[in-house]
Amino acid sequence: MELSLIRKLKRDRTYLLLLAPVLLYYLLFKYVPMFGIIVSFKDYNLFTGVWQSDWVGLKYYRMFFQNPDAFVIFKNTFLLGAYKLLFGFPAPIVLALLLNELRLKRYKRFVQTVSYMPHFLSAVVVAGIMVMILSPSTGWVNQVIQGLGFEPINFLQKASWFRTIYVSSEIWQEIGWGSIIYLAALTAIDPQLYEAAKIDGAGRWKQALHVTLPGIAPAIVILFILQIGKVLELGFEKVFLISNAATYETSDIISTYVYRIGIVQSNFSYASAIDLFMGIIGLIFVYSANQVSRRFGDTSLW
């Protein structure tokens, strides 16, 4: 048995070396930090250390549930994540289907390149772009509004506009990058299926509906399950950069609240409890979506 394992390791050593950086990344940045979970059950003191801090059990979890802001924070996080999933998840699929229909290769490559570029912009740059185009005095959006005879709108100071701005910017930034997986899945579809559909009189729309979409359905299901788990996992940087006290009603989410509690106020135990609780909810979302997918389809994560 041991000789067989050693033989397999020698045979696959090249692939294992390629996999090593990914394993190291997850080990250092995903699994090792799990040790910090214990902080949420202790009255952590930075000077006495983790082991010398007093054990308080579920004190900080109860504190969060009793906090009147907890519902608002959870609602804001859930709604932002849900809107991002509802409008952002189909966008790369639609783009991939449209790109698949293009016959001019140069134009197709140009559109792909332009749509990929925003993904590589940092949150600071994206936030700066949003501030510039939405400025009530110099932003081109308000210039158009004024040109139509209306009063300028200070979008970034209105809580009612925050979710629209955030979700729209996320779609713009990730639509091209997200379409890569679907474009790769499209290449695996047998061209003979399209030929057979043409013989049966199917036009482009029916080919997309009855050949293309079923062909990439497994990829769609897997990515959808993974995205459900990220409903409460919103990027801290962009929300932090474009939100302010005037928009906290809709923009204050778990990550920004944890930042204020944990980093600004140095209440590490309370912040850890909130973060762990939301992580458990995300796990429940993924598990539930996977079970539903297994029950009603043939595709699932496990």
C-alpha atoms as a PDB file:
ATOM      1  CA  MET A   1       0.000   0.000   0.000  1.00  0.00           C
ATOM      2  CA  GLU A   2       2.772   2.425   0.999  1.00  0.00           C
ATOM      3  CA  LEU A   3       4.829   1.526  -2.074  1.00  0.00           C
ATOM      4  CA  SER A   4       1.798   2.108  -4.272  1.00  0.00           C
ATOM      5  CA  LEU A   5       1.242   5.559  -2.692  1.00  0.00           C
ATOM      6  CA  ILE A   6       4.902   6.517  -3.130  1.00  0.00           C
ATOM      7  CA  ARG A   7       4.774   5.350  -6.744  1.00  0.00           C
ATOM      8  CA  LYS A   8       1.701   7.500  -7.382  1.00  0.00           C
ATOM      9  CA  LEU A   9       3.319  10.525  -5.748  1.00  0.00           C
ATOM     10  CA  LYS A  10       6.399  10.131  -7.948  1.00  0.00           C
ATOM     11  CA  ARG A  11       4.222   9.720 -11.019  1.00  0.00           C
ATOM     12  CA  ASP A  12       2.173  12.845 -10.293  1.00  0.00           C
ATOM     13  CA  ARG A  13       4.939  15.006  -8.765  1.00  0.00           C
ATOM     14  CA  THR A  14       4.705  17.609 -11.554  1.00  0.00           C
ATOM     15  CA  TYR A  15       0.983  18.129 -10.973  1.00  0.00           C
ATOM     16  CA  LEU A  16       1.480  18.185  -7.208  1.00  0.00           C
ATOM     17  CA  LEU A  17       4.121  20.904  -7.563  1.00  0.00           C
ATOM     18  CA  LEU A  18       1.705  22.940  -9.669  1.00  0.00           C
ATOM     19  CA  LEU A  19      -0.959  22.454  -6.998  1.00  0.00           C
ATOM     20  CA  ALA A  20       1.379  23.306  -4.100  1.00  0.00           C
ATOM     21  CA  PRO A  21       1.062  27.158  -4.309  1.00  0.00           C
ATOM     22  CA  VAL A  22      -2.750  26.923  -4.231  1.00  0.00           C
ATOM     23  CA  LEU A  23      -2.686  24.528  -1.271  1.00  0.00           C
ATOM     24  CA  LEU A  24      -0.209  26.788   0.524  1.00  0.00           C
ATOM     25  CA  TYR A  25      -2.432  29.825  -0.075  1.00  0.00           C
ATOM     26  CA  TYR A  26      -5.514  28.127   1.378  1.00  0.00           C
ATOM     27  CA  LEU A  27      -3.509  26.704   4.270  1.00  0.00           C
ATOM     28  CA  LEU A  28      -2.023  30.070   5.282  1.00  0.00           C
ATOM     29  CA  PHE A  29      -4.947  32.381   4.568  1.00  0.00           C
ATOM     30  CA  LYS A  30      -8.011  30.154   5.056  1.00  0.00           C
ATOM     31  CA  TYR A  31      -7.238  27.350   7.520  1.00  0.00           C
ATOM     32  CA  VAL A  32      -4.598  28.819   9.844  1.00  0.00           C
ATOM     33  CA  PRO A  33      -6.778  31.914  10.602  1.00  0.00           C
ATOM     34  CA  MET A  34      -9.509  29.536  11.828  1.00  0.00           C
ATOM     35  CA  PHE A  35      -7.539  29.390  15.064  1.00  0.00           C
ATOM     36  CA  GLY A  36      -8.862  32.906  15.716  1.00  0.00           C
ATOM     37  CA  ILE A  37     -12.395  31.493  16.131  1.00  0.00           C
ATOM     38  CA  ILE A  38     -11.584  30.848  19.793  1.00  0.00           C
ATOM     39  CA  VAL A  39     -11.351  34.626  20.335  1.00  0.00           C
ATOM     40  CA  SER A  40     -15.134  34.906  19.911  1.00  0.00           C
ATOM     41  CA  PHE A  41     -15.633  32.740  23.011  1.00  0.00           C
ATOM     42  CA  LYS A  42     -13.182  34.691  25.180  1.00  0.00           C
ATOM     43  CA  ASP A  43     -12.992  38.185  26.624  1.00  0.00           C
ATOM     44  CA  TYR A  44      -9.883  38.767  24.557  1.00  0.00           C
ATOM     45  CA  ASN A  45      -7.236  41.107  25.865  1.00  0.00           C
ATOM     46  CA  LEU A  46      -4.477  42.085  23.478  1.00  0.00           C
ATOM     47  CA  PHE A  47      -1.876  42.300  26.257  1.00  0.00           C
ATOM     48  CA  THR A  48      -2.632  39.030  28.075  1.00  0.00           C
ATOM     49  CA  GLY A  49      -3.022  36.956  24.902  1.00  0.00           C
ATOM     50  CA  VAL A  50      -5.568  34.392  23.755  1.00  0.00           C
ATOM     51  CA  TRP A  51      -4.904  31.663  26.324  1.00  0.00           C
ATOM     52  CA  GLN A  52      -4.814  33.984  29.334  1.00  0.00           C
ATOM     53  CA  SER A  53      -8.037  35.801  28.401  1.00  0.00           C
ATOM     54  CA  ASP A  54     -11.180  34.855  30.329  1.00  0.00           C
ATOM     55  CA  TRP A  55     -13.597  32.329  28.780  1.00  0.00           C
ATOM     56  CA  VAL A  56     -17.066  33.892  28.356  1.00  0.00           C
ATOM     57  CA  GLY A  57     -18.799  31.315  26.148  1.00  0.00           C
ATOM     58  CA  LEU A  58     -21.637  32.708  24.013  1.00  0.00           C
ATOM     59  CA  LYS A  59     -21.655  36.163  25.642  1.00  0.00           C
ATOM     60  CA  TYR A  60     -20.771  38.065  22.456  1.00  0.00           C
ATOM     61  CA  TYR A  61     -23.181  36.059  20.318  1.00  0.00           C
ATOM     62  CA  ARG A  62     -26.026  36.959  22.665  1.00  0.00           C
ATOM     63  CA  MET A  63     -24.827  40.556  22.629  1.00  0.00           C
ATOM     64  CA  PHE A  64     -25.111  40.638  18.832  1.00  0.00           C
ATOM     65  CA  PHE A  65     -28.605  39.106  18.812  1.00  0.00           C
ATOM     66  CA  GLN A  66     -29.749  41.656  21.384  1.00  0.00           C
ATOM     67  CA  ASN A  67     -28.195  44.567  19.481  1.00  0.00           C
ATOM     68  CA  PRO A  68     -30.961  46.660  17.807  1.00  0.00           C
ATOM     69  CA  ASP A  69     -28.572  47.344  14.884  1.00  0.00           C
ATOM     70  CA  ALA A  70     -28.112  43.628  14.161  1.00  0.00           C
ATOM     71  CA  PHE A  71     -31.276  43.287  12.061  1.00  0.00           C
ATOM     72  CA  VAL A  72     -30.486  46.388   9.997  1.00  0.00           C
ATOM     73  CA  ILE A  73     -26.912  45.224   9.339  1.00  0.00           C
ATOM     74  CA  PHE A  74     -28.029  41.722   8.393  1.00  0.00           C
ATOM     75  CA  LYS A  75     -30.822  43.092   6.171  1.00  0.00           C
ATOM     76  CA  ASN A  76     -28.446  45.461   4.350  1.00  0.00           C
ATOM     77  CA  THR A  77     -25.900  42.697   3.785  1.00  0.00           C
ATOM     78  CA  PHE A  78     -28.488  40.182   2.643  1.00  0.00           C
ATOM     79  CA  LEU A  79     -30.250  42.593   0.270  1.00  0.00           C
ATOM     80  CA  LEU A  80     -26.987  43.760  -1.318  1.00  0.00           C
ATOM     81  CA  GLY A  81     -25.885  40.157  -1.776  1.00  0.00           C
ATOM     82  CA  ALA A  82     -29.292  39.080  -3.075  1.00  0.00           C
ATOM     83  CA  TYR A  83     -29.473  41.941  -5.597  1.00  0.00           C
ATOM     84  CA  LYS A  84     -25.930  41.192  -6.699  1.00  0.00           C
ATOM     85  CA  LEU A  85     -26.885  37.532  -7.216  1.00  0.00           C
ATOM     86  CA  LEU A  86     -30.203  38.344  -8.903  1.00  0.00           C
ATOM     87  CA  PHE A  87     -28.832  40.883 -11.390  1.00  0.00           C
ATOM     88  CA  GLY A  88     -25.117  40.100 -11.437  1.00  0.00           C
ATOM     89  CA  PHE A  89     -25.204  36.316 -11.856  1.00  0.00           C
ATOM     90  CA  PRO A  90     -27.125  36.198 -15.186  1.00  0.00           C
ATOM     91  CA  ALA A  91     -25.089  39.066 -16.698  1.00  0.00           C
ATOM     92  CA  PRO A  92     -21.948  37.017 -17.582  1.00  0.00           C
ATOM     93  CA  ILE A  93     -24.153  34.256 -19.025  1.00  0.00           C
ATOM     94  CA  VAL A  94     -25.917  36.732 -21.310  1.00  0.00           C
ATOM     95  CA  LEU A  95     -22.579  38.277 -22.367  1.00  0.00           C
ATOM     96  CA  ALA A  96     -21.097  34.847 -23.097  1.00  0.00           C
ATOM     97  CA  LEU A  97     -24.123  33.908 -25.232  1.00  0.00           C
ATOM     98  CA  LEU A  98     -23.900  37.196 -27.148  1.00  0.00           C
ATOM     99  CA  LEU A  99     -20.147  36.797 -27.705  1.00  0.00           C
ATOM    100  CA  ASN A 100     -20.731  33.246 -28.897  1.00  0.00           C
ATOM    101  CA  GLU A 101     -23.019  34.576 -31.628  1.00  0.00           C
ATOM    102  CA  LEU A 102     -20.443  37.035 -32.972  1.00  0.00           C
ATOM    103  CA  ARG A 103     -18.844  35.962 -36.238  1.00  0.00           C
ATOM    104  CA  LEU A 104     -16.260  38.763 -36.601  1.00  0.00           C
ATOM    105  CA  LYS A 105     -13.308  37.448 -34.580  1.00  0.00           C
ATOM    106  CA  ARG A 106     -11.527  40.819 -34.307  1.00  0.00           C
ATOM    107  CA  TYR A 107     -14.615  42.530 -32.939  1.00  0.00           C
ATOM    108  CA  LYS A 108     -15.241  39.594 -30.598  1.00  0.00           C
ATOM    109  CA  ARG A 109     -11.691  39.813 -29.180  1.00  0.00           C
ATOM    110  CA  PHE A 110     -12.030  43.580 -28.794  1.00  0.00           C
ATOM    111  CA  VAL A 111     -15.301  43.257 -26.842  1.00  0.00           C
ATOM    112  CA  GLN A 112     -13.813  40.524 -24.665  1.00  0.00           C
ATOM    113  CA  THR A 113     -10.745  42.605 -23.849  1.00  0.00           C
ATOM    114  CA  VAL A 114     -12.776  45.709 -23.011  1.00  0.00           C
ATOM    115  CA  SER A 115     -15.176  43.727 -20.809  1.00  0.00           C
ATOM    116  CA  TYR A 116     -12.309  41.993 -18.942  1.00  0.00           C
ATOM    117  CA  MET A 117     -10.393  45.177 -18.104  1.00  0.00           C
ATOM    118  CA  PRO A 118     -12.562  46.510 -15.230  1.00  0.00           C
ATOM    119  CA  HIS A 119     -11.915  43.307 -13.248  1.00  0.00           C
ATOM    120  CA  PHE A 120      -8.270  44.308 -12.844  1.00  0.00           C
ATOM    121  CA  LEU A 121      -9.067  47.741 -11.432  1.00  0.00           C
ATOM    122  CA  SER A 122      -8.687  48.107  -7.677  1.00  0.00           C
ATOM    123  CA  ALA A 123     -11.640  49.048  -5.492  1.00  0.00           C
ATOM    124  CA  VAL A 124     -10.017  52.453  -4.891  1.00  0.00           C
ATOM    125  CA  VAL A 125      -9.894  53.194  -8.619  1.00  0.00           C
ATOM    126  CA  VAL A 126     -13.485  52.016  -9.160  1.00  0.00           C
ATOM    127  CA  ALA A 127     -14.693  54.126  -6.233  1.00  0.00           C
ATOM    128  CA  GLY A 128     -12.837  57.136  -7.651  1.00  0.00           C
ATOM    129  CA  ILE A 129     -14.469  56.634 -11.053  1.00  0.00           C
ATOM    130  CA  MET A 130     -17.898  56.428  -9.426  1.00  0.00           C
ATOM    131  CA  VAL A 131     -17.280  59.615  -7.436  1.00  0.00           C
ATOM    132  CA  MET A 132     -16.256  61.453 -10.607  1.00  0.00           C
ATOM    133  CA  ILE A 133     -19.144  60.365 -12.833  1.00  0.00           C
ATOM    134  CA  LEU A 134     -21.760  60.826 -10.084  1.00  0.00           C
ATOM    135  CA  SER A 135     -20.513  64.176  -8.807  1.00  0.00           C
ATOM    136  CA  PRO A 136     -23.423  66.662  -8.486  1.00  0.00           C
ATOM    137  CA  SER A 137     -21.296  69.458 -10.000  1.00  0.00           C
ATOM    138  CA  THR A 138     -18.874  67.900 -12.530  1.00  0.00           C
ATOM    139  CA  GLY A 139     -20.150  64.349 -13.084  1.00  0.00           C
ATOM    140  CA  TRP A 140     -21.448  63.620 -16.571  1.00  0.00           C
ATOM    141  CA  VAL A 141     -24.519  61.807 -15.189  1.00  0.00           C
ATOM    142  CA  ASN A 142     -25.708  64.995 -13.482  1.00  0.00           C
ATOM    143  CA  GLN A 143     -24.734  67.057 -16.510  1.00  0.00           C
ATOM    144  CA  VAL A 144     -27.129  64.930 -18.562  1.00  0.00           C
ATOM    145  CA  ILE A 145     -29.816  65.322 -15.867  1.00  0.00           C
ATOM    146  CA  GLN A 146     -29.350  69.111 -15.851  1.00  0.00           C
ATOM    147  CA  GLY A 147     -29.375  69.152 -19.638  1.00  0.00           C
ATOM    148  CA  LEU A 148     -32.828  67.563 -19.487  1.00  0.00           C
ATOM    149  CA  GLY A 149     -34.000  70.363 -17.210  1.00  0.00           C
ATOM    150  CA  PHE A 150     -33.909  68.588 -13.852  1.00  0.00           C
ATOM    151  CA  GLU A 151     -32.080  69.361 -10.622  1.00  0.00           C
ATOM    152  CA  PRO A 152     -28.759  67.543 -10.020  1.00  0.00           C
ATOM    153  CA  ILE A 153     -28.827  64.571  -7.642  1.00  0.00           C
ATOM    154  CA  ASN A 154     -26.132  63.927  -5.044  1.00  0.00           C
ATOM    155  CA  PHE A 155     -26.245  60.154  -5.559  1.00  0.00           C
ATOM    156  CA  LEU A 156     -23.526  59.225  -3.071  1.00  0.00           C
ATOM    157  CA  GLN A 157     -25.250  61.121  -0.257  1.00  0.00           C
ATOM    158  CA  LYS A 158     -28.629  59.422  -0.702  1.00  0.00           C
ATOM    159  CA  ALA A 159     -29.218  56.092   1.033  1.00  0.00           C
ATOM    160  CA  SER A 160     -31.921  55.162  -1.485  1.00  0.00           C
ATOM    161  CA  TRP A 161     -29.371  55.129  -4.326  1.00  0.00           C
ATOM    162  CA  PHE A 162     -26.599  53.153  -2.620  1.00  0.00           C
ATOM    163  CA  ARG A 163     -27.740  49.629  -3.539  1.00  0.00           C
ATOM    164  CA  THR A 164     -28.313  50.580  -7.185  1.00  0.00           C
ATOM    165  CA  ILE A 165     -24.866  52.164  -7.419  1.00  0.00           C
ATOM    166  CA  TYR A 166     -23.094  49.256  -5.735  1.00  0.00           C
ATOM    167  CA  VAL A 167     -24.788  46.478  -7.719  1.00  0.00           C
ATOM    168  CA  SER A 168     -24.364  48.349 -11.032  1.00  0.00           C
ATOM    169  CA  SER A 169     -20.655  48.872 -10.407  1.00  0.00           C
ATOM    170  CA  GLU A 170     -20.231  45.185  -9.483  1.00  0.00           C
ATOM    171  CA  ILE A 171     -21.898  44.072 -12.719  1.00  0.00           C
ATOM    172  CA  TRP A 172     -19.747  46.452 -14.784  1.00  0.00           C
ATOM    173  CA  GLN A 173     -16.573  45.291 -13.067  1.00  0.00           C
ATOM    174  CA  GLU A 174     -17.169  41.524 -13.127  1.00  0.00           C
ATOM    175  CA  ILE A 175     -19.363  40.777 -16.155  1.00  0.00           C
ATOM    176  CA  GLY A 176     -16.464  40.213 -18.557  1.00  0.00           C
ATOM    177  CA  TRP A 177     -14.348  38.178 -16.162  1.00  0.00           C
ATOM    178  CA  GLY A 178     -17.308  36.018 -15.175  1.00  0.00           C
ATOM    179  CA  SER A 179     -18.092  35.216 -18.807  1.00  0.00           C
ATOM    180  CA  ILE A 180     -14.737  33.415 -19.276  1.00  0.00           C
ATOM    181  CA  ILE A 181     -15.961  30.215 -17.609  1.00  0.00           C
ATOM    182  CA  TYR A 182     -19.130  30.150 -19.711  1.00  0.00           C
ATOM    183  CA  LEU A 183     -17.176  30.787 -22.914  1.00  0.00           C
ATOM    184  CA  ALA A 184     -14.920  27.853 -21.997  1.00  0.00           C
ATOM    185  CA  ALA A 185     -18.005  25.691 -21.357  1.00  0.00           C
ATOM    186  CA  LEU A 186     -19.404  26.698 -24.755  1.00  0.00           C
ATOM    187  CA  THR A 187     -16.346  25.266 -26.529  1.00  0.00           C
ATOM    188  CA  ALA A 188     -17.197  21.812 -25.133  1.00  0.00           C
ATOM    189  CA  ILE A 189     -20.574  21.700 -26.907  1.00  0.00           C
ATOM    190  CA  ASP A 190     -20.551  19.333 -29.898  1.00  0.00           C
ATOM    191  CA  PRO A 191     -20.918  21.382 -33.147  1.00  0.00           C
ATOM    192  CA  GLN A 192     -22.957  18.513 -34.602  1.00  0.00           C
ATOM    193  CA  LEU A 193     -25.768  19.429 -32.204  1.00  0.00           C
ATOM    194  CA  TYR A 194     -26.028  22.836 -33.885  1.00  0.00           C
ATOM    195  CA  GLU A 195     -25.998  21.213 -37.323  1.00  0.00           C
ATOM    196  CA  ALA A 196     -28.805  18.884 -36.292  1.00  0.00           C
ATOM    197  CA  ALA A 197     -30.789  21.813 -34.884  1.00  0.00           C
ATOM    198  CA  LYS A 198     -30.367  23.724 -38.173  1.00  0.00           C
ATOM    199  CA  ILE A 199     -31.612  20.724 -40.141  1.00  0.00           C
ATOM    200  CA  ASP A 200     -34.676  20.641 -37.901  1.00  0.00           C
ATOM    201  CA  GLY A 201     -35.332  24.292 -38.769  1.00  0.00           C
ATOM    202  CA  ALA A 202     -34.121  25.897 -35.531  1.00  0.00           C
ATOM    203  CA  GLY A 203     -32.984  29.500 -35.787  1.00  0.00           C
ATOM    204  CA  ARG A 204     -30.327  31.147 -33.633  1.00  0.00           C
ATOM    205  CA  TRP A 205     -32.728  31.816 -30.778  1.00  0.00           C
ATOM    206  CA  LYS A 206     -33.948  28.194 -30.623  1.00  0.00           C
ATOM    207  CA  GLN A 207     -30.381  26.910 -30.956  1.00  0.00           C
ATOM    208  CA  ALA A 208     -29.360  29.019 -27.979  1.00  0.00           C
ATOM    209  CA  LEU A 209     -32.404  27.882 -26.017  1.00  0.00           C
ATOM    210  CA  HIS A 210     -32.269  24.150 -26.791  1.00  0.00           C
ATOM    211  CA  VAL A 211     -28.539  23.523 -27.438  1.00  0.00           C
ATOM    212  CA  THR A 212     -26.367  26.234 -25.914  1.00  0.00           C
ATOM    213  CA  LEU A 213     -28.086  26.712 -22.548  1.00  0.00           C
ATOM    214  CA  PRO A 214     -28.426  22.960 -21.796  1.00  0.00           C
ATOM    215  CA  GLY A 215     -24.772  22.558 -22.789  1.00  0.00           C
ATOM    216  CA  ILE A 216     -23.550  25.051 -20.168  1.00  0.00           C
ATOM    217  CA  ALA A 217     -26.210  24.187 -17.564  1.00  0.00           C
ATOM    218  CA  PRO A 218     -23.809  22.160 -15.329  1.00  0.00           C
ATOM    219  CA  ALA A 219     -21.398  25.121 -15.138  1.00  0.00           C
ATOM    220  CA  ILE A 220     -24.291  27.483 -14.367  1.00  0.00           C
ATOM    221  CA  VAL A 221     -25.551  25.275 -11.517  1.00  0.00           C
ATOM    222  CA  ILE A 222     -22.108  24.843  -9.909  1.00  0.00           C
ATOM    223  CA  LEU A 223     -21.334  28.563 -10.062  1.00  0.00           C
ATOM    224  CA  PHE A 224     -24.792  29.440  -8.773  1.00  0.00           C
ATOM    225  CA  ILE A 225     -24.323  27.216  -5.721  1.00  0.00           C
ATOM    226  CA  LEU A 226     -20.952  28.824  -5.019  1.00  0.00           C
ATOM    227  CA  GLN A 227     -22.395  32.311  -5.432  1.00  0.00           C
ATOM    228  CA  ILE A 228     -25.219  31.575  -2.984  1.00  0.00           C
ATOM    229  CA  GLY A 229     -22.574  30.949  -0.345  1.00  0.00           C
ATOM    230  CA  LYS A 230     -21.181  34.420  -1.006  1.00  0.00           C
ATOM    231  CA  VAL A 231     -24.476  36.275  -0.570  1.00  0.00           C
ATOM    232  CA  LEU A 232     -23.287  37.607   2.809  1.00  0.00           C
ATOM    233  CA  GLU A 233     -19.643  37.870   1.717  1.00  0.00           C
ATOM    234  CA  LEU A 234     -19.511  41.328   0.167  1.00  0.00           C
ATOM    235  CA  GLY A 235     -16.329  43.188  -0.600  1.00  0.00           C
ATOM    236  CA  PHE A 236     -15.389  45.499   2.251  1.00  0.00           C
ATOM    237  CA  GLU A 237     -13.253  47.930   0.257  1.00  0.00           C
ATOM    238  CA  LYS A 238     -15.808  49.257  -2.223  1.00  0.00           C
ATOM    239  CA  VAL A 239     -18.623  49.554   0.319  1.00  0.00           C
ATOM    240  CA  PHE A 240     -16.292  51.306   2.758  1.00  0.00           C
ATOM    241  CA  LEU A 241     -15.049  53.743   0.102  1.00  0.00           C
ATOM    242  CA  ILE A 242     -18.407  54.833  -1.330  1.00  0.00           C
ATOM    243  CA  SER A 243     -20.512  54.765   1.842  1.00  0.00           C
ATOM    244  CA  ASN A 244     -20.736  57.501   4.447  1.00  0.00           C
ATOM    245  CA  ALA A 245     -22.770  58.423   7.517  1.00  0.00           C
ATOM    246  CA  ALA A 246     -25.605  59.721   5.318  1.00  0.00           C
ATOM    247  CA  THR A 247     -26.048  56.294   3.651  1.00  0.00           C
ATOM    248  CA  TYR A 248     -25.563  53.988   6.664  1.00  0.00           C
ATOM    249  CA  GLU A 249     -29.289  53.224   6.538  1.00  0.00           C
ATOM    250  CA  THR A 250     -28.667  51.001   3.481  1.00  0.00           C
ATOM    251  CA  SER A 251     -24.864  50.782   3.220  1.00  0.00           C
ATOM    252  CA  ASP A 252     -23.815  49.594   6.683  1.00  0.00           C
ATOM    253  CA  ILE A 253     -23.073  45.886   6.180  1.00  0.00           C
ATOM    254  CA  ILE A 254     -21.429  43.181   8.277  1.00  0.00           C
ATOM    255  CA  SER A 255     -17.873  43.785   7.064  1.00  0.00           C
ATOM    256  CA  THR A 256     -17.979  47.552   7.684  1.00  0.00           C
ATOM    257  CA  TYR A 257     -19.653  47.042  11.071  1.00  0.00           C
ATOM    258  CA  VAL A 258     -17.033  44.440  12.056  1.00  0.00           C
ATOM    259  CA  TYR A 259     -14.309  46.878  10.977  1.00  0.00           C
ATOM    260  CA  ARG A 260     -15.677  49.596  13.230  1.00  0.00           C
ATOM    261  CA  ILE A 261     -16.208  47.232  16.167  1.00  0.00           C
ATOM    262  CA  GLY A 262     -13.039  45.166  15.807  1.00  0.00           C
ATOM    263  CA  ILE A 263     -10.426  47.574  14.436  1.00  0.00           C
ATOM    264  CA  VAL A 264     -11.624  51.042  15.399  1.00  0.00           C
ATOM    265  CA  GLN A 265     -13.070  50.131  18.825  1.00  0.00           C
ATOM    266  CA  SER A 266     -10.662  47.194  19.445  1.00  0.00           C
ATOM    267  CA  ASN A 267     -13.502  44.844  20.483  1.00  0.00           C
ATOM    268  CA  PHE A 268     -11.963  41.801  18.790  1.00  0.00           C
ATOM    269  CA  SER A 269     -14.106  39.176  20.535  1.00  0.00           C
ATOM    270  CA  TYR A 270     -17.377  40.799  19.502  1.00  0.00           C
ATOM    271  CA  ALA A 271     -16.204  41.284  15.914  1.00  0.00           C
ATOM    272  CA  SER A 272     -15.027  37.651  15.691  1.00  0.00           C
ATOM    273  CA  ALA A 273     -18.393  36.394  16.973  1.00  0.00           C
ATOM    274  CA  ILE A 274     -20.285  38.367  14.306  1.00  0.00           C
ATOM    275  CA  ASP A 275     -17.987  37.198  11.529  1.00  0.00           C
ATOM    276  CA  LEU A 276     -18.190  33.539  12.587  1.00  0.00           C
ATOM    277  CA  PHE A 277     -21.979  33.683  12.835  1.00  0.00           C
ATOM    278  CA  MET A 278     -22.260  35.052   9.291  1.00  0.00           C
ATOM    279  CA  GLY A 279     -19.808  32.432   8.030  1.00  0.00           C
ATOM    280  CA  ILE A 280     -22.041  29.691   9.451  1.00  0.00           C
ATOM    281  CA  ILE A 281     -25.063  31.209   7.685  1.00  0.00           C
ATOM    282  CA  GLY A 282     -23.107  31.208   4.409  1.00  0.00           C
ATOM    283  CA  LEU A 283     -22.278  27.525   4.924  1.00  0.00           C
ATOM    284  CA  ILE A 284     -25.967  26.767   5.492  1.00  0.00           C
ATOM    285  CA  PHE A 285     -26.839  28.591   2.249  1.00  0.00           C
ATOM    286  CA  VAL A 286     -24.316  26.544   0.238  1.00  0.00           C
ATOM    287  CA  TYR A 287     -25.381  23.243   1.811  1.00  0.00           C
ATOM    288  CA  SER A 288     -29.074  23.972   1.221  1.00  0.00           C
ATOM    289  CA  ALA A 289     -28.531  24.997  -2.411  1.00  0.00           C
ATOM    290  CA  ASN A 290     -26.440  21.885  -3.020  1.00  0.00           C
ATOM    291  CA  GLN A 291     -29.117  19.635  -1.528  1.00  0.00           C
ATOM    292  CA  VAL A 292     -31.804  21.240  -3.697  1.00  0.00           C
ATOM    293  CA  SER A 293     -29.606  20.797  -6.786  1.00  0.00           C
ATOM    294  CA  ARG A 294     -29.021  17.124  -5.958  1.00  0.00           C
ATOM    295  CA  ARG A 295     -32.710  16.528  -5.359  1.00  0.00           C
ATOM    296  CA  PHE A 296     -33.976  18.099  -8.591  1.00  0.00           C
ATOM    297  CA  GLY A 297     -30.981  17.704 -10.928  1.00  0.00           C
ATOM    298  CA  ASP A 298     -27.839  15.735 -11.666  1.00  0.00           C
ATOM    299  CA  THR A 299     -25.314  18.465 -10.840  1.00  0.00           C
ATOM    300  CA  SER A 300     -23.968  19.313  -7.392  1.00  0.00           C
ATOM    301  CA  LEU A 301     -20.760  20.151  -5.556  1.00  0.00           C
ATOM    302  CA  TRP A 302     -20.767  16.897  -3.588  1.00  0.00           C
END
